[in-house]
Amino acid sequence: MANNVYRGSDGSLSVAVEAGAEGDLAGEVDQAYGLAPVGRVSGVTLRVTNDVKPFHELGQRFATELRPGNLNVYGTIERAHVNGALLKLMLGQGPAQSRPQGSFPNPAFNLSIRLENPALPGNFSAVTVMGVKLSEWNLNLPEDDFVLENVGFRALWVKIEDGSAG
């Protein structure tokens, strides 16, 4: 497989939902706002961390063992469009016309990031972020620049797929 170099313009971001109460809520938002692909995205950050713990023996300056710890998946999405879709993906039934009472489920969905270089059709890299829940929503309203909304997310895990046409 060729080593591809990608630009942001080679990528697309889309939402996919799974069955269940949380997936159904995300599906309602996806149908209402058409989030496949998520339009006007200007930046995506995805981070996966491993809480590696070193073990130090008494009298040793260097660690004698590194133990894997918890894996954390999180990131952000910037979008130059505000229509309530991402906020509804975070709040579910929260942004209703009146304040909801009690507890309500939080939407969960999968994010698919697909990169394909147009000069090498059929060669692609895809990262699917599974079990995503939005954790924060921000709106930036600058005086003389584009209005951007920004969301932060947490996820359960990621899967990666690389494809080759040749």
C-alpha atoms as a PDB file:
ATOM      1  CA  MET A   1       0.000   0.000   0.000  1.00  0.00           C
ATOM      2  CA  ALA A   2       1.270   3.459  -0.871  1.00  0.00           C
ATOM      3  CA  ASN A   3       2.090   5.942   1.860  1.00  0.00           C
ATOM      4  CA  ASN A   4      -0.537   8.615   1.317  1.00  0.00           C
ATOM      5  CA  VAL A   5      -0.312  12.221   2.372  1.00  0.00           C
ATOM      6  CA  TYR A   6      -3.659  13.801   3.171  1.00  0.00           C
ATOM      7  CA  ARG A   7      -4.999  17.318   3.588  1.00  0.00           C
ATOM      8  CA  GLY A   8      -8.111  18.362   5.439  1.00  0.00           C
ATOM      9  CA  SER A   9      -9.797  18.922   2.075  1.00  0.00           C
ATOM     10  CA  ASP A  10      -9.383  15.166   1.404  1.00  0.00           C
ATOM     11  CA  GLY A  11     -11.527  14.286   4.414  1.00  0.00           C
ATOM     12  CA  SER A  12     -15.154  13.921   5.306  1.00  0.00           C
ATOM     13  CA  LEU A  13     -16.906  13.535   8.650  1.00  0.00           C
ATOM     14  CA  SER A  14     -20.217  11.749   9.053  1.00  0.00           C
ATOM     15  CA  VAL A  15     -22.454  10.540  11.867  1.00  0.00           C
ATOM     16  CA  ALA A  16     -23.742   6.978  12.107  1.00  0.00           C
ATOM     17  CA  VAL A  17     -26.133   5.690  14.739  1.00  0.00           C
ATOM     18  CA  GLU A  18     -26.608   2.348  16.407  1.00  0.00           C
ATOM     19  CA  ALA A  19     -29.765   0.782  17.818  1.00  0.00           C
ATOM     20  CA  GLY A  20     -30.892   1.643  21.325  1.00  0.00           C
ATOM     21  CA  ALA A  21     -32.364   4.596  23.180  1.00  0.00           C
ATOM     22  CA  GLU A  22     -29.225   6.744  22.895  1.00  0.00           C
ATOM     23  CA  GLY A  23     -28.684   5.830  19.229  1.00  0.00           C
ATOM     24  CA  ASP A  24     -32.337   6.520  18.417  1.00  0.00           C
ATOM     25  CA  LEU A  25     -32.009  10.054  19.830  1.00  0.00           C
ATOM     26  CA  ALA A  26     -28.919  10.677  17.691  1.00  0.00           C
ATOM     27  CA  GLY A  27     -30.790   9.231  14.698  1.00  0.00           C
ATOM     28  CA  GLU A  28     -33.614  11.741  15.152  1.00  0.00           C
ATOM     29  CA  VAL A  29     -31.119  14.624  15.093  1.00  0.00           C
ATOM     30  CA  ASP A  30     -29.336  13.132  12.071  1.00  0.00           C
ATOM     31  CA  GLN A  31     -32.605  12.843  10.135  1.00  0.00           C
ATOM     32  CA  ALA A  32     -33.768  16.328  11.076  1.00  0.00           C
ATOM     33  CA  TYR A  33     -30.470  18.054  10.209  1.00  0.00           C
ATOM     34  CA  GLY A  34     -28.835  15.743   7.635  1.00  0.00           C
ATOM     35  CA  LEU A  35     -25.498  15.093   9.339  1.00  0.00           C
ATOM     36  CA  ALA A  36     -24.079  12.671   6.787  1.00  0.00           C
ATOM     37  CA  PRO A  37     -21.709  14.320   6.122  1.00  0.00           C
ATOM     38  CA  VAL A  38     -21.472  16.854   8.942  1.00  0.00           C
ATOM     39  CA  GLY A  39     -21.271  20.050   6.890  1.00  0.00           C
ATOM     40  CA  ARG A  40     -19.009  23.097   7.246  1.00  0.00           C
ATOM     41  CA  VAL A  41     -16.457  21.309   9.435  1.00  0.00           C
ATOM     42  CA  SER A  42     -13.230  23.290   9.576  1.00  0.00           C
ATOM     43  CA  GLY A  43     -11.254  21.249  12.076  1.00  0.00           C
ATOM     44  CA  VAL A  44     -11.329  17.864  13.804  1.00  0.00           C
ATOM     45  CA  THR A  45      -9.003  16.767  16.579  1.00  0.00           C
ATOM     46  CA  LEU A  46      -8.936  13.154  17.772  1.00  0.00           C
ATOM     47  CA  ARG A  47      -6.816  12.040  20.724  1.00  0.00           C
ATOM     48  CA  VAL A  48      -6.242   8.565  22.097  1.00  0.00           C
ATOM     49  CA  THR A  49      -4.234   8.315  25.302  1.00  0.00           C
ATOM     50  CA  ASN A  50      -2.944   5.344  27.265  1.00  0.00           C
ATOM     51  CA  ASP A  51      -2.365   5.968  30.965  1.00  0.00           C
ATOM     52  CA  VAL A  52       0.953   4.089  31.092  1.00  0.00           C
ATOM     53  CA  LYS A  53       2.158   3.556  34.662  1.00  0.00           C
ATOM     54  CA  PRO A  54       5.872   3.005  35.337  1.00  0.00           C
ATOM     55  CA  PHE A  55       6.908   0.638  38.144  1.00  0.00           C
ATOM     56  CA  HIS A  56      10.044   1.659  40.015  1.00  0.00           C
ATOM     57  CA  GLU A  57      11.889  -0.843  42.201  1.00  0.00           C
ATOM     58  CA  LEU A  58      13.528   0.376  45.365  1.00  0.00           C
ATOM     59  CA  GLY A  59      17.096   1.436  44.545  1.00  0.00           C
ATOM     60  CA  GLN A  60      16.483   1.720  40.787  1.00  0.00           C
ATOM     61  CA  ARG A  61      16.366   5.096  39.059  1.00  0.00           C
ATOM     62  CA  PHE A  62      14.793   3.811  35.852  1.00  0.00           C
ATOM     63  CA  ALA A  63      11.444   2.081  35.718  1.00  0.00           C
ATOM     64  CA  THR A  64      11.699  -1.703  35.508  1.00  0.00           C
ATOM     65  CA  GLU A  65       8.278  -2.174  33.940  1.00  0.00           C
ATOM     66  CA  LEU A  66       5.673  -0.111  32.124  1.00  0.00           C
ATOM     67  CA  ARG A  67       2.079  -1.219  32.657  1.00  0.00           C
ATOM     68  CA  PRO A  68      -0.718  -0.166  30.305  1.00  0.00           C
ATOM     69  CA  GLY A  69      -3.509   1.757  31.950  1.00  0.00           C
ATOM     70  CA  ASN A  70      -6.848   3.176  30.938  1.00  0.00           C
ATOM     71  CA  LEU A  71      -7.363   4.134  27.307  1.00  0.00           C
ATOM     72  CA  ASN A  72      -9.122   7.448  26.726  1.00  0.00           C
ATOM     73  CA  VAL A  73     -10.616   8.647  23.438  1.00  0.00           C
ATOM     74  CA  TYR A  74     -11.618  12.288  23.064  1.00  0.00           C
ATOM     75  CA  GLY A  75     -11.450  15.242  20.715  1.00  0.00           C
ATOM     76  CA  THR A  76     -13.055  18.343  19.241  1.00  0.00           C
ATOM     77  CA  ILE A  77     -14.937  19.385  16.124  1.00  0.00           C
ATOM     78  CA  GLU A  78     -15.047  22.970  14.788  1.00  0.00           C
ATOM     79  CA  ARG A  79     -17.850  23.939  12.452  1.00  0.00           C
ATOM     80  CA  ALA A  80     -18.567  27.192  10.597  1.00  0.00           C
ATOM     81  CA  HIS A  81     -22.313  26.760  10.827  1.00  0.00           C
ATOM     82  CA  VAL A  82     -24.778  27.050  13.697  1.00  0.00           C
ATOM     83  CA  ASN A  83     -28.188  25.408  13.410  1.00  0.00           C
ATOM     84  CA  GLY A  84     -28.585  23.547  16.696  1.00  0.00           C
ATOM     85  CA  ALA A  85     -27.702  20.095  15.347  1.00  0.00           C
ATOM     86  CA  LEU A  86     -24.542  19.583  17.392  1.00  0.00           C
ATOM     87  CA  LEU A  87     -26.127  21.073  20.508  1.00  0.00           C
ATOM     88  CA  LYS A  88     -29.060  18.679  20.112  1.00  0.00           C
ATOM     89  CA  LEU A  89     -26.598  15.796  19.688  1.00  0.00           C
ATOM     90  CA  MET A  90     -25.222  16.772  23.084  1.00  0.00           C
ATOM     91  CA  LEU A  91     -28.459  17.450  24.929  1.00  0.00           C
ATOM     92  CA  GLY A  92     -30.910  15.065  23.296  1.00  0.00           C
ATOM     93  CA  GLN A  93     -34.282  16.107  24.673  1.00  0.00           C
ATOM     94  CA  GLY A  94     -32.635  18.952  26.597  1.00  0.00           C
ATOM     95  CA  PRO A  95     -33.148  21.848  24.134  1.00  0.00           C
ATOM     96  CA  ALA A  96     -36.924  21.419  23.986  1.00  0.00           C
ATOM     97  CA  GLN A  97     -39.384  24.318  24.029  1.00  0.00           C
ATOM     98  CA  SER A  98     -39.717  23.925  27.791  1.00  0.00           C
ATOM     99  CA  ARG A  99     -37.341  22.623  30.403  1.00  0.00           C
ATOM    100  CA  PRO A 100     -37.477  18.813  30.594  1.00  0.00           C
ATOM    101  CA  GLN A 101     -38.144  17.296  33.983  1.00  0.00           C
ATOM    102  CA  GLY A 102     -36.073  14.561  35.551  1.00  0.00           C
ATOM    103  CA  SER A 103     -33.458  12.487  33.827  1.00  0.00           C
ATOM    104  CA  PHE A 104     -33.308  11.817  30.096  1.00  0.00           C
ATOM    105  CA  PRO A 105     -30.945   9.781  27.895  1.00  0.00           C
ATOM    106  CA  ASN A 106     -27.910  11.342  26.266  1.00  0.00           C
ATOM    107  CA  PRO A 107     -27.488  10.707  22.501  1.00  0.00           C
ATOM    108  CA  ALA A 108     -24.634   8.414  21.468  1.00  0.00           C
ATOM    109  CA  PHE A 109     -23.369   7.893  17.935  1.00  0.00           C
ATOM    110  CA  ASN A 110     -20.334   6.946  15.865  1.00  0.00           C
ATOM    111  CA  LEU A 111     -18.195   9.438  13.955  1.00  0.00           C
ATOM    112  CA  SER A 112     -16.574   8.339  10.720  1.00  0.00           C
ATOM    113  CA  ILE A 113     -13.550  10.257   9.451  1.00  0.00           C
ATOM    114  CA  ARG A 114     -12.593   9.182   5.928  1.00  0.00           C
ATOM    115  CA  LEU A 115      -9.565  10.477   4.034  1.00  0.00           C
ATOM    116  CA  GLU A 116      -9.025   9.800   0.335  1.00  0.00           C
ATOM    117  CA  ASN A 117      -6.457  11.527  -1.838  1.00  0.00           C
ATOM    118  CA  PRO A 118      -8.133  12.462  -5.151  1.00  0.00           C
ATOM    119  CA  ALA A 119      -4.859  11.779  -7.005  1.00  0.00           C
ATOM    120  CA  LEU A 120      -4.936   8.152  -5.773  1.00  0.00           C
ATOM    121  CA  PRO A 121      -8.588   7.044  -5.974  1.00  0.00           C
ATOM    122  CA  GLY A 122      -9.433   3.929  -3.997  1.00  0.00           C
ATOM    123  CA  ASN A 123      -6.617   4.453  -1.518  1.00  0.00           C
ATOM    124  CA  PHE A 124      -8.074   5.646   1.764  1.00  0.00           C
ATOM    125  CA  SER A 125      -7.757   5.752   5.511  1.00  0.00           C
ATOM    126  CA  ALA A 126     -10.824   5.688   7.712  1.00  0.00           C
ATOM    127  CA  VAL A 127     -11.092   6.144  11.463  1.00  0.00           C
ATOM    128  CA  THR A 128     -14.400   5.370  13.133  1.00  0.00           C
ATOM    129  CA  VAL A 129     -14.851   6.739  16.623  1.00  0.00           C
ATOM    130  CA  MET A 130     -17.328   4.492  18.426  1.00  0.00           C
ATOM    131  CA  GLY A 131     -19.804   5.396  21.170  1.00  0.00           C
ATOM    132  CA  VAL A 132     -19.346   9.168  20.928  1.00  0.00           C
ATOM    133  CA  LYS A 133     -21.037  11.517  23.371  1.00  0.00           C
ATOM    134  CA  LEU A 134     -20.585  15.255  23.142  1.00  0.00           C
ATOM    135  CA  SER A 135     -19.248  16.727  26.385  1.00  0.00           C
ATOM    136  CA  GLU A 136     -19.145  20.461  25.634  1.00  0.00           C
ATOM    137  CA  TRP A 137     -20.446  22.987  23.127  1.00  0.00           C
ATOM    138  CA  ASN A 138     -18.972  26.439  22.512  1.00  0.00           C
ATOM    139  CA  LEU A 139     -19.947  29.285  20.227  1.00  0.00           C
ATOM    140  CA  ASN A 140     -17.356  31.811  19.087  1.00  0.00           C
ATOM    141  CA  LEU A 141     -18.831  35.082  17.803  1.00  0.00           C
ATOM    142  CA  PRO A 142     -15.881  37.253  16.702  1.00  0.00           C
ATOM    143  CA  GLU A 143     -16.303  40.805  15.507  1.00  0.00           C
ATOM    144  CA  ASP A 144     -14.700  40.367  12.082  1.00  0.00           C
ATOM    145  CA  ASP A 145     -14.259  36.663  11.394  1.00  0.00           C
ATOM    146  CA  PHE A 146     -16.397  33.578  10.772  1.00  0.00           C
ATOM    147  CA  VAL A 147     -18.755  32.373  13.475  1.00  0.00           C
ATOM    148  CA  LEU A 148     -17.653  28.936  14.684  1.00  0.00           C
ATOM    149  CA  GLU A 149     -19.255  26.417  16.959  1.00  0.00           C
ATOM    150  CA  ASN A 150     -16.970  23.964  18.678  1.00  0.00           C
ATOM    151  CA  VAL A 151     -17.858  20.707  20.428  1.00  0.00           C
ATOM    152  CA  GLY A 152     -15.777  18.452  22.621  1.00  0.00           C
ATOM    153  CA  PHE A 153     -16.460  14.736  22.750  1.00  0.00           C
ATOM    154  CA  ARG A 154     -15.583  11.542  24.564  1.00  0.00           C
ATOM    155  CA  ALA A 155     -15.820   8.086  23.008  1.00  0.00           C
ATOM    156  CA  LEU A 156     -15.561   4.433  23.954  1.00  0.00           C
ATOM    157  CA  TRP A 157     -13.056   3.214  21.346  1.00  0.00           C
ATOM    158  CA  VAL A 158     -11.740   3.677  17.806  1.00  0.00           C
ATOM    159  CA  LYS A 159     -11.323   1.407  14.817  1.00  0.00           C
ATOM    160  CA  ILE A 160      -9.071   2.007  11.827  1.00  0.00           C
ATOM    161  CA  GLU A 161      -9.317   0.819   8.234  1.00  0.00           C
ATOM    162  CA  ASP A 162      -6.847   1.387   5.416  1.00  0.00           C
ATOM    163  CA  GLY A 163      -7.779   0.503   1.864  1.00  0.00           C
ATOM    164  CA  SER A 164      -5.845   0.210  -1.356  1.00  0.00           C
ATOM    165  CA  ALA A 165      -7.062   0.154  -4.946  1.00  0.00           C
ATOM    166  CA  GLY A 166      -4.081  -1.764  -6.144  1.00  0.00           C
END
